[in-house]
């Protein structure tokens, strides 16, 4: 899972000209690595940034909740031996 700063979308890069979204994901600066092949491995968060970044607390909290949900889905899938549950 990745957390990136939104960057303005160029007019040429927009696939649907009627789209209301004018931003797209930029380069990821927080990446959560959720092991989906071995339930004994622990998740990890990597920070990629040559510059100092400020992540508002609520955004970081939301991101970590998303990561926790993904970890839970993977672990349940392993327990139930359902590979499609961890996709």
N, C-alpha and C. Protein backbone atom coordinates (compact mmCIF):
# COMPACT_ATOMS: atom_id res chain seq x y z
N UNK A 1 0.85 -1.16 0.00
CA UNK A 1 0.00 0.00 0.00
C UNK A 1 0.90 1.22 0.00
N UNK A 2 0.46 2.27 -0.70
CA UNK A 2 1.27 3.47 -0.82
C UNK A 2 0.50 4.71 -0.41
N UNK A 3 1.23 5.65 0.17
CA UNK A 3 0.68 6.97 0.46
C UNK A 3 1.53 7.96 -0.31
N UNK A 4 0.88 8.76 -1.14
CA UNK A 4 1.61 9.74 -1.94
C UNK A 4 0.87 11.07 -1.89
N UNK A 5 1.60 12.10 -2.26
CA UNK A 5 1.01 13.42 -2.33
C UNK A 5 0.28 13.57 -3.66
N UNK A 6 -0.90 14.16 -3.64
CA UNK A 6 -1.65 14.37 -4.87
C UNK A 6 -0.98 15.48 -5.67
N UNK A 7 -0.89 15.26 -6.99
CA UNK A 7 -0.31 16.26 -7.89
C UNK A 7 -1.35 16.59 -8.96
N UNK A 8 -1.34 17.81 -9.44
CA UNK A 8 -2.32 18.18 -10.47
C UNK A 8 -2.18 17.30 -11.72
N UNK A 9 -3.32 16.90 -12.25
CA UNK A 9 -3.33 16.10 -13.48
C UNK A 9 -3.28 17.05 -14.66
N UNK A 10 -2.49 16.71 -15.65
CA UNK A 10 -2.44 17.55 -16.85
C UNK A 10 -3.66 17.27 -17.71
N UNK A 11 -4.05 18.24 -18.51
CA UNK A 11 -5.22 18.08 -19.38
C UNK A 11 -5.01 16.95 -20.38
N UNK A 12 -3.78 16.76 -20.87
CA UNK A 12 -3.50 15.70 -21.83
C UNK A 12 -3.54 14.33 -21.16
N UNK A 13 -3.16 14.27 -19.89
CA UNK A 13 -3.09 13.00 -19.19
C UNK A 13 -4.42 12.49 -18.69
N UNK A 14 -5.45 13.31 -18.74
CA UNK A 14 -6.76 12.90 -18.24
C UNK A 14 -7.45 12.05 -19.30
N UNK A 15 -7.80 10.83 -18.93
CA UNK A 15 -8.43 9.91 -19.88
C UNK A 15 -9.85 10.32 -20.21
N UNK A 16 -10.59 10.79 -19.21
CA UNK A 16 -11.98 11.16 -19.38
C UNK A 16 -12.09 12.66 -19.15
N UNK A 17 -12.34 13.43 -20.20
CA UNK A 17 -12.38 14.89 -20.07
C UNK A 17 -13.53 15.36 -19.19
N UNK A 18 -14.53 14.52 -18.94
CA UNK A 18 -15.65 14.88 -18.09
C UNK A 18 -15.37 14.60 -16.62
N UNK A 19 -14.23 14.03 -16.32
CA UNK A 19 -13.90 13.65 -14.95
C UNK A 19 -13.75 14.90 -14.09
N UNK A 20 -14.24 14.81 -12.87
CA UNK A 20 -14.14 15.93 -11.94
C UNK A 20 -12.82 15.89 -11.18
N UNK A 21 -12.12 14.78 -11.21
CA UNK A 21 -10.85 14.65 -10.51
C UNK A 21 -9.77 15.40 -11.29
N UNK A 22 -9.09 16.30 -10.62
CA UNK A 22 -8.05 17.07 -11.27
C UNK A 22 -6.68 16.78 -10.68
N UNK A 23 -6.59 15.75 -9.86
CA UNK A 23 -5.33 15.36 -9.24
C UNK A 23 -5.10 13.87 -9.47
N UNK A 24 -3.84 13.48 -9.42
CA UNK A 24 -3.47 12.07 -9.53
C UNK A 24 -2.41 11.79 -8.47
N UNK A 25 -2.18 10.53 -8.15
CA UNK A 25 -1.15 10.22 -7.15
C UNK A 25 0.24 10.59 -7.67
N UNK A 26 1.02 11.19 -6.82
CA UNK A 26 2.41 11.48 -7.14
C UNK A 26 3.28 10.31 -6.70
N UNK A 27 4.55 10.56 -6.58
CA UNK A 27 5.47 9.51 -6.14
C UNK A 27 5.17 9.15 -4.68
N UNK A 28 5.19 7.87 -4.39
CA UNK A 28 4.90 7.41 -3.03
C UNK A 28 6.03 7.79 -2.10
N UNK A 29 5.67 8.26 -0.89
CA UNK A 29 6.69 8.54 0.10
C UNK A 29 6.53 7.69 1.35
N UNK A 30 5.41 7.04 1.51
CA UNK A 30 5.21 6.03 2.55
C UNK A 30 4.70 4.78 1.87
N UNK A 31 5.35 3.67 2.12
CA UNK A 31 4.93 2.41 1.53
C UNK A 31 4.81 1.38 2.64
N UNK A 32 3.63 0.77 2.75
CA UNK A 32 3.42 -0.29 3.72
C UNK A 32 3.58 -1.62 3.01
N UNK A 33 4.47 -2.42 3.51
CA UNK A 33 4.71 -3.75 2.94
C UNK A 33 3.95 -4.75 3.80
N UNK A 34 2.88 -5.29 3.24
CA UNK A 34 2.05 -6.26 3.94
C UNK A 34 2.35 -7.63 3.37
N UNK A 35 2.94 -8.52 4.18
CA UNK A 35 3.29 -9.84 3.65
C UNK A 35 2.03 -10.63 3.30
N UNK A 36 1.96 -11.07 2.05
CA UNK A 36 0.78 -11.83 1.63
C UNK A 36 1.13 -13.26 1.27
N UNK A 37 2.36 -13.67 1.56
CA UNK A 37 2.75 -15.05 1.27
C UNK A 37 3.13 -15.83 2.52
N UNK A 38 3.45 -15.13 3.61
CA UNK A 38 3.88 -15.79 4.84
C UNK A 38 3.29 -15.06 6.04
N UNK A 39 2.34 -15.67 6.73
CA UNK A 39 1.69 -15.00 7.86
C UNK A 39 2.62 -14.76 9.04
N UNK A 40 3.80 -15.38 9.05
CA UNK A 40 4.74 -15.17 10.14
C UNK A 40 5.56 -13.90 9.97
N UNK A 41 5.57 -13.34 8.76
CA UNK A 41 6.30 -12.09 8.53
C UNK A 41 5.46 -10.92 9.04
N UNK A 42 6.15 -9.92 9.57
CA UNK A 42 5.46 -8.74 10.09
C UNK A 42 5.41 -7.65 9.02
N UNK A 43 4.33 -6.85 9.03
CA UNK A 43 4.25 -5.73 8.11
C UNK A 43 5.35 -4.71 8.43
N UNK A 44 5.71 -3.92 7.45
CA UNK A 44 6.72 -2.87 7.64
C UNK A 44 6.30 -1.63 6.86
N UNK A 45 6.71 -0.48 7.35
CA UNK A 45 6.45 0.78 6.66
C UNK A 45 7.80 1.37 6.28
N UNK A 46 7.93 1.73 5.01
CA UNK A 46 9.16 2.36 4.52
C UNK A 46 8.86 3.80 4.14
N UNK A 47 9.81 4.66 4.44
CA UNK A 47 9.69 6.07 4.10
C UNK A 47 10.65 6.36 2.95
N UNK A 48 10.11 6.87 1.85
CA UNK A 48 10.91 7.24 0.69
C UNK A 48 10.77 8.75 0.49
N UNK A 49 11.81 9.49 0.81
CA UNK A 49 11.71 10.92 0.61
C UNK A 49 13.07 11.58 0.73
N UNK A 50 13.49 12.25 -0.33
CA UNK A 50 14.74 13.00 -0.20
C UNK A 50 14.52 14.29 0.60
N UNK A 51 13.29 14.74 0.67
CA UNK A 51 12.94 15.95 1.41
C UNK A 51 12.14 15.59 2.65
N UNK A 52 12.14 16.50 3.59
CA UNK A 52 11.31 16.30 4.78
C UNK A 52 9.84 16.45 4.38
N UNK A 53 9.01 15.55 4.84
CA UNK A 53 7.57 15.60 4.55
C UNK A 53 6.81 15.75 5.86
N UNK A 54 5.74 16.48 5.80
CA UNK A 54 4.85 16.60 6.95
C UNK A 54 3.56 15.90 6.57
N UNK A 55 3.22 14.87 7.34
CA UNK A 55 1.98 14.14 7.10
C UNK A 55 1.04 14.46 8.26
N UNK A 56 -0.10 15.08 7.98
CA UNK A 56 -1.03 15.39 9.06
C UNK A 56 -1.43 14.12 9.81
N UNK A 57 -1.63 14.26 11.09
CA UNK A 57 -1.94 13.13 11.96
C UNK A 57 -3.13 12.34 11.44
N UNK A 58 -4.19 13.00 11.05
CA UNK A 58 -5.39 12.29 10.59
C UNK A 58 -5.12 11.48 9.33
N UNK A 59 -4.28 12.00 8.44
CA UNK A 59 -3.93 11.26 7.23
C UNK A 59 -3.11 10.02 7.59
N UNK A 60 -2.14 10.18 8.47
CA UNK A 60 -1.31 9.04 8.89
C UNK A 60 -2.17 8.00 9.59
N UNK A 61 -3.07 8.46 10.41
CA UNK A 61 -3.97 7.54 11.12
C UNK A 61 -4.85 6.77 10.14
N UNK A 62 -5.41 7.48 9.15
CA UNK A 62 -6.24 6.83 8.13
C UNK A 62 -5.41 5.79 7.38
N UNK A 63 -4.20 6.16 6.97
CA UNK A 63 -3.33 5.25 6.22
C UNK A 63 -3.04 4.00 7.04
N UNK A 64 -2.70 4.17 8.31
CA UNK A 64 -2.38 3.03 9.15
C UNK A 64 -3.62 2.15 9.39
N UNK A 65 -4.80 2.73 9.44
CA UNK A 65 -6.03 1.93 9.54
C UNK A 65 -6.22 1.09 8.28
N UNK A 66 -5.92 1.67 7.12
CA UNK A 66 -6.01 0.91 5.86
C UNK A 66 -5.01 -0.24 5.87
N UNK A 67 -3.80 0.02 6.35
CA UNK A 67 -2.78 -1.02 6.44
C UNK A 67 -3.24 -2.12 7.39
N UNK A 68 -3.77 -1.74 8.55
CA UNK A 68 -4.25 -2.74 9.53
C UNK A 68 -5.36 -3.60 8.94
N UNK A 69 -6.26 -2.98 8.17
CA UNK A 69 -7.33 -3.75 7.51
C UNK A 69 -6.75 -4.76 6.52
N UNK A 70 -5.75 -4.34 5.76
CA UNK A 70 -5.12 -5.24 4.78
C UNK A 70 -4.42 -6.39 5.49
N UNK A 71 -3.71 -6.10 6.57
CA UNK A 71 -3.05 -7.15 7.34
C UNK A 71 -4.07 -8.15 7.85
N UNK A 72 -5.17 -7.66 8.37
CA UNK A 72 -6.22 -8.55 8.90
C UNK A 72 -6.80 -9.42 7.80
N UNK A 73 -7.07 -8.83 6.62
CA UNK A 73 -7.59 -9.63 5.50
C UNK A 73 -6.61 -10.72 5.10
N UNK A 74 -5.33 -10.39 5.05
CA UNK A 74 -4.32 -11.39 4.68
C UNK A 74 -4.26 -12.51 5.70
N UNK A 75 -4.28 -12.17 6.96
CA UNK A 75 -4.19 -13.20 8.00
C UNK A 75 -5.43 -14.09 8.04
N UNK A 76 -6.59 -13.51 7.83
CA UNK A 76 -7.81 -14.32 7.76
C UNK A 76 -7.75 -15.25 6.56
N UNK A 77 -7.27 -14.75 5.44
CA UNK A 77 -7.14 -15.58 4.24
C UNK A 77 -6.20 -16.75 4.47
N UNK A 78 -5.10 -16.52 5.19
CA UNK A 78 -4.17 -17.61 5.51
C UNK A 78 -4.83 -18.64 6.41
N UNK A 79 -5.56 -18.18 7.41
CA UNK A 79 -6.22 -19.09 8.34
C UNK A 79 -7.25 -19.94 7.63
N UNK A 80 -7.93 -19.36 6.68
CA UNK A 80 -8.99 -20.07 5.94
C UNK A 80 -8.43 -20.76 4.70
N UNK A 81 -7.15 -20.57 4.44
CA UNK A 81 -6.50 -21.12 3.25
C UNK A 81 -7.23 -20.77 1.97
N UNK A 82 -7.57 -19.47 1.87
CA UNK A 82 -8.24 -18.97 0.68
C UNK A 82 -7.33 -17.93 0.02
N UNK A 83 -6.54 -18.35 -0.97
CA UNK A 83 -5.59 -17.43 -1.61
C UNK A 83 -6.24 -16.17 -2.19
N UNK A 84 -7.47 -16.28 -2.68
CA UNK A 84 -8.13 -15.11 -3.27
C UNK A 84 -8.46 -14.07 -2.22
N UNK A 85 -8.52 -14.43 -0.95
CA UNK A 85 -8.84 -13.48 0.11
C UNK A 85 -7.70 -12.52 0.37
N UNK A 86 -6.48 -12.88 -0.01
CA UNK A 86 -5.33 -12.02 0.26
C UNK A 86 -4.93 -11.15 -0.92
N UNK A 87 -5.66 -11.20 -2.02
CA UNK A 87 -5.33 -10.38 -3.19
C UNK A 87 -5.59 -8.94 -2.96
